[in-house]
Amino acid sequence: MSDEEHHFESKADAGASKTYPQQAGTIRKNGYIVIKGRPCKVVEVSTSKTGKHGHAKCHFVAIDIFNGKKLEDIVPSSHNCDVPHVNRTDYQLIDISEDGFVSLLTENGGTKDDLRLPTDEALLAQIKTGYDDGKDLIVSVMSAMGEEQICGLKDIGGKN
């Protein structure tokens, strides 16, 4: 009975590296917060005074960094909130496929082919016209909580 080996499949993800706790009272405008399981950028913070039933409360108004939706949350200022680890990485654009995926050059010379074109119409138009004109483009990719999306564009010159 004790000589059986146990095999654990590591399909579960605790999500520990996706967020970190931060006291609600210390989160400021332009910071990040997780509201309803979505990574958001804080656009407004207001703090109420302590009432007769306890804690001061922080009212957060934030915009989802991937889909642009406005979310709100009210948290006691002494409690912890989840804050997402948000990374921004620049890649050189190599190719745009017919099905809307982009091919990006990584720092170590490999390619990253799992990202779609952005849904933001203005940014999408800039990327397409720059690519069609043969310019060398650098795209900024924002990643948080296992999601990635192109969020910016830089023109570093191009073929004349």
Protein backbone atom coordinates (compact mmCIF):
# COMPACT_ATOMS: atom_id res chain seq x y z
CA MET A 1 0.00 0.00 0.00
CA SER A 2 2.77 2.44 0.83
CA ASP A 3 4.88 1.40 -2.16
CA GLU A 4 2.47 3.07 -4.63
CA GLU A 5 3.90 6.11 -6.32
CA HIS A 6 1.82 9.24 -6.50
CA HIS A 7 1.87 11.20 -9.73
CA PHE A 8 0.64 14.76 -9.61
CA GLU A 9 -0.28 16.50 -12.83
CA SER A 10 0.58 20.15 -12.71
CA LYS A 11 -2.43 21.46 -14.62
CA ALA A 12 -3.62 23.62 -11.73
CA ASP A 13 -2.39 27.20 -11.56
CA ALA A 14 -2.55 28.96 -8.23
CA GLY A 15 -2.26 32.31 -9.98
CA ALA A 16 0.18 33.47 -7.34
CA SER A 17 2.46 35.26 -9.77
CA LYS A 18 -0.35 37.09 -11.59
CA THR A 19 -1.22 39.47 -8.75
CA TYR A 20 0.13 40.73 -5.45
CA PRO A 21 -1.72 42.17 -2.44
CA GLN A 22 -1.62 45.89 -1.69
CA GLN A 23 -3.50 47.84 0.94
CA ALA A 24 -6.47 49.64 -0.65
CA GLY A 25 -5.60 52.95 0.99
CA THR A 26 -2.20 53.02 -0.76
CA ILE A 27 -3.49 52.51 -4.33
CA ARG A 28 -3.41 55.78 -6.27
CA LYS A 29 -4.71 57.17 -9.56
CA ASN A 30 -2.87 55.71 -12.61
CA GLY A 31 -2.01 52.61 -10.57
CA TYR A 32 -3.41 49.15 -11.27
CA ILE A 33 -6.03 47.06 -9.45
CA VAL A 34 -8.00 43.87 -10.06
CA ILE A 35 -11.78 44.45 -10.13
CA LYS A 36 -14.14 41.54 -10.80
CA GLY A 37 -11.18 39.40 -11.87
CA ARG A 38 -10.02 41.89 -14.54
CA PRO A 39 -6.75 43.90 -14.56
CA CYS A 40 -7.63 47.61 -14.54
CA LYS A 41 -5.93 51.01 -14.53
CA VAL A 42 -7.27 53.30 -11.80
CA VAL A 43 -8.68 56.58 -13.16
CA GLU A 44 -10.30 57.90 -9.97
CA VAL A 45 -9.98 57.21 -6.23
CA SER A 46 -12.13 58.77 -3.54
CA THR A 47 -11.91 57.92 0.16
CA SER A 48 -14.82 58.29 2.55
CA LYS A 49 -14.34 59.10 6.20
CA THR A 50 -14.69 56.44 8.87
CA GLY A 51 -18.33 56.04 9.76
CA LYS A 52 -19.82 54.83 13.00
CA HIS A 53 -19.50 51.25 11.73
CA GLY A 54 -15.79 51.12 11.13
CA HIS A 55 -13.40 51.57 8.29
CA ALA A 56 -12.81 54.37 5.84
CA LYS A 57 -13.73 53.14 2.38
CA CYS A 58 -11.95 53.65 -0.95
CA HIS A 59 -14.10 54.01 -4.05
CA PHE A 60 -12.16 52.98 -7.16
CA VAL A 61 -13.19 53.82 -10.72
CA ALA A 62 -10.98 51.95 -13.18
CA ILE A 63 -10.76 51.03 -16.86
CA ASP A 64 -10.06 47.43 -17.92
CA ILE A 65 -6.64 47.56 -19.63
CA PHE A 66 -7.64 45.03 -22.31
CA ASN A 67 -11.25 45.79 -23.26
CA GLY A 68 -11.64 49.42 -22.09
CA LYS A 69 -14.72 48.76 -19.92
CA LYS A 70 -15.29 50.96 -16.88
CA LEU A 71 -15.45 49.09 -13.55
CA GLU A 72 -16.02 50.31 -10.00
CA ASP A 73 -15.30 48.84 -6.58
CA ILE A 74 -15.61 49.98 -2.96
CA VAL A 75 -13.11 48.49 -0.50
CA PRO A 76 -12.32 49.30 3.16
CA SER A 77 -9.05 51.24 3.05
CA SER A 78 -7.36 48.91 5.55
CA HIS A 79 -8.12 45.78 3.49
CA ASN A 80 -5.87 44.32 0.81
CA CYS A 81 -6.71 44.46 -2.91
CA ASP A 82 -5.17 42.39 -5.65
CA VAL A 83 -2.85 44.35 -7.92
CA PRO A 84 -1.88 42.75 -11.26
CA HIS A 85 1.72 42.41 -12.42
CA VAL A 86 1.58 44.47 -15.61
CA ASN A 87 4.44 44.16 -18.08
CA ARG A 88 5.04 46.11 -21.25
CA THR A 89 7.37 44.64 -23.86
CA ASP A 90 8.40 46.00 -27.25
CA TYR A 91 8.66 43.73 -30.29
CA GLN A 92 9.48 44.41 -33.93
CA LEU A 93 6.61 43.65 -36.30
CA ILE A 94 7.59 41.13 -38.99
CA ASP A 95 4.33 40.11 -40.64
CA ILE A 96 0.54 40.36 -40.48
CA SER A 97 -1.30 37.18 -41.49
CA GLU A 98 -4.63 37.01 -43.34
CA ASP A 99 -6.48 35.76 -40.23
CA GLY A 100 -5.49 38.78 -38.10
CA PHE A 101 -2.49 37.36 -36.23
CA VAL A 102 0.83 39.21 -36.13
CA SER A 103 4.34 37.79 -36.25
CA LEU A 104 6.71 39.60 -33.88
CA LEU A 105 10.49 39.44 -33.46
CA THR A 106 11.56 38.82 -29.84
CA GLU A 107 14.77 40.14 -28.24
CA ASN A 108 16.48 36.75 -28.48
CA GLY A 109 15.80 36.46 -32.23
CA GLY A 110 12.80 34.13 -32.02
CA THR A 111 9.29 34.88 -33.20
CA LYS A 112 6.06 35.34 -31.30
CA ASP A 113 3.05 34.37 -33.40
CA ASP A 114 0.19 34.04 -30.89
CA LEU A 115 -1.03 37.66 -30.78
CA ARG A 116 -3.97 39.10 -32.69
CA LEU A 117 -4.17 42.60 -34.13
CA PRO A 118 -5.61 45.10 -31.62
CA THR A 119 -9.34 45.82 -31.53
CA ASP A 120 -8.72 49.57 -31.18
CA GLU A 121 -9.62 50.91 -34.64
CA ALA A 122 -7.16 53.86 -34.65
CA LEU A 123 -4.21 51.69 -33.59
CA LEU A 124 -5.23 48.95 -36.03
CA ALA A 125 -5.31 51.46 -38.91
CA GLN A 126 -1.86 52.85 -37.94
CA ILE A 127 -0.34 49.35 -37.84
CA LYS A 128 -1.85 48.30 -41.18
CA THR A 129 -0.89 51.47 -43.08
CA GLY A 130 2.62 51.47 -41.59
CA TYR A 131 3.08 47.81 -42.51
CA ASP A 132 1.70 48.33 -46.03
CA ASP A 133 4.07 51.30 -46.52
CA GLY A 134 7.01 49.02 -45.65
CA LYS A 135 7.99 50.88 -42.46
CA ASP A 136 9.88 49.23 -39.60
CA LEU A 137 7.39 49.18 -36.74
CA ILE A 138 7.84 48.44 -33.05
CA VAL A 139 4.67 47.38 -31.22
CA SER A 140 4.25 47.58 -27.44
CA VAL A 141 2.56 44.55 -25.93
CA MET A 142 0.95 44.83 -22.51
CA SER A 143 0.56 41.63 -20.53
CA ALA A 144 -1.21 41.00 -17.23
CA MET A 145 -2.88 38.00 -15.60
CA GLY A 146 -2.19 35.67 -18.53
CA GLU A 147 -3.56 38.03 -21.20
CA GLU A 148 -1.60 39.96 -23.80
CA GLN A 149 -2.58 42.69 -26.21
CA ILE A 150 -0.89 45.17 -28.50
CA CYS A 151 -1.34 48.62 -26.92
CA GLY A 152 1.07 50.91 -28.72
CA LEU A 153 3.12 51.52 -31.85
CA LYS A 154 6.43 53.20 -32.70
CA ASP A 155 7.80 53.90 -36.16
CA ILE A 156 11.56 53.44 -36.29
CA GLY A 157 11.98 54.43 -39.92
CA GLY A 158 11.57 52.20 -42.89
CA LYS A 159 12.43 51.16 -46.37
CA ASN A 160 12.55 54.04 -48.80
